[in-house]
Amino acid sequence: MCLCLFSSVSSHRKKMICRILLLIKLTCCVCAGTFEVNVTKSFYQAEENQNVTLEWTFTPKADGSLHSLFIYCEMVTDHKVSVLFHLHEGVEVSASEDEQFAGRVHCDKDVLKEGRLRLHVSSLRTEDSGLYKCEVMTNVGVGDGRCHLNVTAAAHEPKTRRPTVRPGAESQGRYGLYMGLGLGIPALAVLALCVYKMLY
């Protein structure tokens, strides 16, 4: 569904459109039930140019199909939010992947049916350090899990200078935060209404 919208939209807007569509989908399914998404490790440590496998677990569908499986994984830092993996109805949407992770993230689709999300991130960079959050939605429920990755400079290489943040990058991060809050509050209101209707 996101793919048809991407032909004439900028990269930043592509990500925002996917987040909005996912939020709409998640909001619609909140009343159907929730379930937990867990991380196997809450903290990962690695050096530059190494590879790491980030892993989450969730309640799998009874039939094992991926058709109604939605996954949205992103890395969050003080300066930006970067999409590293997006699965829509069992199909990977590489168009929403951030340039920072292009060609470096691989998902083990075979274990998705077992309720395991394994993302292999190769050729790590120090700028890959941050909070990694994956939201998973199935017909069973919705949930998210978070872990931290810290990538240090390789011991044998001199520490490289971090690139200067271009003007306006910080305000883009705030824009995403405000958009998230603006959409999150109505979603919470819908959730509260659903819970209230279920109880009374």
Protein backbone atom coordinates (compact mmCIF):
# COMPACT_ATOMS: atom_id res chain seq x y z
CA MET A 1 0.00 0.00 0.00
CA CYS A 2 2.87 2.38 0.83
CA LEU A 3 4.64 1.62 -2.44
CA CYS A 4 2.10 3.36 -4.67
CA LEU A 5 2.47 6.55 -2.65
CA PHE A 6 6.26 6.68 -2.97
CA SER A 7 6.66 7.57 -6.63
CA SER A 8 6.63 11.34 -6.11
CA VAL A 9 7.34 11.77 -2.40
CA SER A 10 10.62 12.72 -0.68
CA SER A 11 12.47 10.24 1.55
CA HIS A 12 11.48 12.05 4.75
CA ARG A 13 7.86 12.12 3.73
CA LYS A 14 7.96 8.43 2.73
CA LYS A 15 8.95 7.54 6.26
CA MET A 16 6.29 9.79 7.73
CA ILE A 17 3.60 8.31 5.45
CA CYS A 18 4.60 4.77 6.47
CA ARG A 19 4.54 5.72 10.15
CA ILE A 20 1.08 7.26 9.78
CA LEU A 21 -0.24 4.23 7.88
CA LEU A 22 1.23 1.89 10.48
CA LEU A 23 -0.26 3.97 13.30
CA ILE A 24 -3.67 3.83 11.61
CA LYS A 25 -3.34 0.05 11.23
CA LEU A 26 -2.16 -0.31 14.84
CA THR A 27 -4.99 1.88 16.14
CA CYS A 28 -7.56 -0.19 14.28
CA CYS A 29 -6.24 -3.38 15.82
CA VAL A 30 -5.79 -2.17 19.39
CA CYS A 31 -9.29 -3.29 20.34
CA ALA A 32 -8.61 -6.80 18.96
CA GLY A 33 -6.05 -7.48 21.71
CA THR A 34 -2.47 -6.87 22.67
CA PHE A 35 0.51 -9.08 23.08
CA GLU A 36 4.11 -8.65 24.10
CA VAL A 37 7.14 -8.19 21.95
CA ASN A 38 10.32 -9.03 23.87
CA VAL A 39 14.00 -8.52 23.17
CA THR A 40 16.43 -11.38 23.76
CA LYS A 41 19.06 -8.85 24.89
CA SER A 42 18.42 -5.30 26.02
CA PHE A 43 21.97 -4.10 25.25
CA TYR A 44 24.40 -4.98 22.43
CA GLN A 45 28.04 -3.90 22.27
CA ALA A 46 30.12 -4.09 19.07
CA GLU A 47 32.98 -2.43 17.21
CA GLU A 48 33.00 -0.70 13.84
CA ASN A 49 32.94 -3.01 10.81
CA GLN A 50 31.62 -5.93 12.86
CA ASN A 51 28.21 -7.51 12.36
CA VAL A 52 25.45 -7.86 14.95
CA THR A 53 22.17 -9.77 15.12
CA LEU A 54 19.37 -7.99 16.96
CA GLU A 55 16.55 -10.31 18.03
CA TRP A 56 12.98 -9.88 19.24
CA THR A 57 10.31 -12.50 20.01
CA PHE A 58 6.54 -12.21 19.70
CA THR A 59 3.46 -14.43 19.81
CA PRO A 60 3.28 -16.11 16.39
CA LYS A 61 0.09 -16.64 14.43
CA ALA A 62 -1.40 -20.11 14.82
CA ASP A 63 -1.42 -20.77 11.05
CA GLY A 64 2.19 -19.57 10.64
CA SER A 65 1.36 -17.34 7.66
CA LEU A 66 3.05 -13.98 7.19
CA HIS A 67 0.20 -12.38 5.25
CA SER A 68 -1.15 -10.28 8.12
CA LEU A 69 2.24 -9.59 9.73
CA PHE A 70 3.37 -5.97 10.00
CA ILE A 71 6.80 -5.02 11.38
CA TYR A 72 8.30 -1.56 11.62
CA CYS A 73 11.82 -1.22 13.05
CA GLU A 74 13.67 2.01 13.57
CA MET A 75 16.78 3.38 15.24
CA VAL A 76 16.24 6.42 17.44
CA THR A 77 18.99 8.86 18.47
CA ASP A 78 18.98 12.41 19.81
CA HIS A 79 19.37 13.70 16.26
CA LYS A 80 17.17 11.49 14.08
CA VAL A 81 14.94 8.48 13.58
CA SER A 82 16.05 6.02 10.88
CA VAL A 83 13.98 3.13 9.51
CA LEU A 84 16.03 -0.04 9.25
CA PHE A 85 13.33 -2.61 8.43
CA HIS A 86 9.69 -2.50 7.32
CA LEU A 87 7.47 -5.52 6.59
CA HIS A 88 3.94 -4.87 5.31
CA GLU A 89 1.55 -7.84 5.04
CA GLY A 90 4.54 -10.19 4.99
CA VAL A 91 6.35 -8.28 2.22
CA GLU A 92 9.52 -6.27 2.88
CA VAL A 93 9.21 -2.59 1.93
CA SER A 94 12.79 -1.62 1.17
CA ALA A 95 11.68 1.78 -0.19
CA SER A 96 11.05 2.99 3.38
CA GLU A 97 14.50 1.89 4.59
CA ASP A 98 16.82 4.76 5.56
CA GLU A 99 19.93 5.27 3.41
CA GLN A 100 22.09 4.68 6.49
CA PHE A 101 21.03 1.01 6.52
CA ALA A 102 20.67 0.41 2.76
CA GLY A 103 22.04 -3.02 1.88
CA ARG A 104 23.24 -3.68 5.44
CA VAL A 105 20.12 -5.16 7.10
CA HIS A 106 18.93 -8.70 6.47
CA CYS A 107 15.90 -10.35 8.10
CA ASP A 108 15.63 -14.13 8.68
CA LYS A 109 12.15 -14.59 7.24
CA ASP A 110 12.14 -18.32 8.05
CA VAL A 111 12.01 -17.67 11.80
CA LEU A 112 9.26 -15.04 11.56
CA LYS A 113 6.69 -17.86 11.44
CA GLU A 114 8.04 -19.04 14.83
CA GLY A 115 7.55 -15.59 16.36
CA ARG A 116 11.20 -14.55 16.14
CA LEU A 117 12.45 -11.40 14.46
CA ARG A 118 16.18 -11.57 13.71
CA LEU A 119 17.79 -8.58 12.01
CA HIS A 120 21.41 -8.97 10.91
CA VAL A 121 23.13 -5.60 10.62
CA SER A 122 26.49 -5.77 8.83
CA SER A 123 29.48 -3.43 8.58
CA LEU A 124 28.57 -1.52 11.71
CA ARG A 125 29.39 2.18 12.00
CA THR A 126 29.66 4.30 15.13
CA GLU A 127 26.59 6.24 13.97
CA ASP A 128 24.59 2.97 14.24
CA SER A 129 24.65 3.44 18.03
CA GLY A 130 21.24 4.15 19.50
CA LEU A 131 17.89 2.79 20.63
CA TYR A 132 16.38 0.16 18.33
CA LYS A 133 12.61 -0.20 18.46
CA CYS A 134 10.53 -2.76 16.59
CA GLU A 135 6.74 -2.64 16.46
CA VAL A 136 5.01 -5.89 15.52
CA MET A 137 1.36 -6.30 14.61
CA THR A 138 -0.51 -9.49 13.78
CA ASN A 139 -4.14 -10.54 14.05
CA VAL A 140 -3.17 -11.71 17.57
CA GLY A 141 -2.20 -8.23 18.76
CA VAL A 142 0.23 -5.33 18.73
CA GLY A 143 3.40 -4.65 20.69
CA ASP A 144 6.90 -3.27 20.56
CA GLY A 145 10.31 -4.12 21.99
CA ARG A 146 13.40 -1.96 22.45
CA CYS A 147 17.11 -2.57 22.81
CA HIS A 148 20.26 -0.46 22.72
CA LEU A 149 23.27 -0.88 20.46
CA ASN A 150 26.59 0.78 21.22
CA VAL A 151 29.16 0.72 18.41
CA THR A 152 32.65 1.87 19.33
CA ALA A 153 35.51 2.78 17.02
CA ALA A 154 37.72 -0.17 16.11
CA ALA A 155 40.70 -0.43 18.47
CA HIS A 156 43.31 -0.50 15.69
CA GLU A 157 41.91 2.48 13.79
CA PRO A 158 42.10 6.10 14.92
CA LYS A 159 38.78 7.47 16.05
CA THR A 160 37.16 9.37 13.20
CA ARG A 161 35.41 12.67 13.66
CA ARG A 162 31.67 12.55 13.57
CA PRO A 163 30.15 14.54 10.73
CA THR A 164 28.67 17.89 11.66
CA VAL A 165 24.90 17.91 11.81
CA ARG A 166 23.51 20.06 9.06
CA PRO A 167 21.33 23.00 10.12
CA GLY A 168 17.71 22.02 10.47
CA ALA A 169 18.36 18.31 11.16
CA GLU A 170 17.49 18.79 14.82
CA SER A 171 14.24 20.53 13.94
CA GLN A 172 13.33 17.60 11.67
CA GLY A 173 13.71 15.28 14.66
CA ARG A 174 11.47 17.55 16.70
CA TYR A 175 8.97 17.60 13.84
CA GLY A 176 8.81 13.80 13.98
CA LEU A 177 8.38 13.92 17.75
CA TYR A 178 5.55 16.44 17.51
CA MET A 179 3.90 14.42 14.72
CA GLY A 180 4.20 11.28 16.83
CA LEU A 181 2.68 13.00 19.86
CA GLY A 182 -0.04 14.55 17.72
CA LEU A 183 -0.98 11.15 16.35
CA GLY A 184 -0.29 9.22 19.54
CA ILE A 185 -2.70 11.16 21.74
CA PRO A 186 -5.73 10.46 19.51
CA ALA A 187 -4.64 6.80 19.31
CA LEU A 188 -4.57 6.64 23.11
CA ALA A 189 -8.03 8.21 23.22
CA VAL A 190 -9.31 5.51 20.84
CA LEU A 191 -7.66 2.84 23.01
CA ALA A 192 -9.24 4.28 26.16
CA LEU A 193 -12.65 4.33 24.45
CA CYS A 194 -12.23 0.71 23.35
CA VAL A 195 -11.26 -0.38 26.87
CA TYR A 196 -14.16 1.60 28.35
CA LYS A 197 -16.63 -0.04 25.92
CA MET A 198 -15.23 -3.50 26.70
CA LEU A 199 -15.61 -2.92 30.46
CA TYR A 200 -19.05 -1.33 30.40
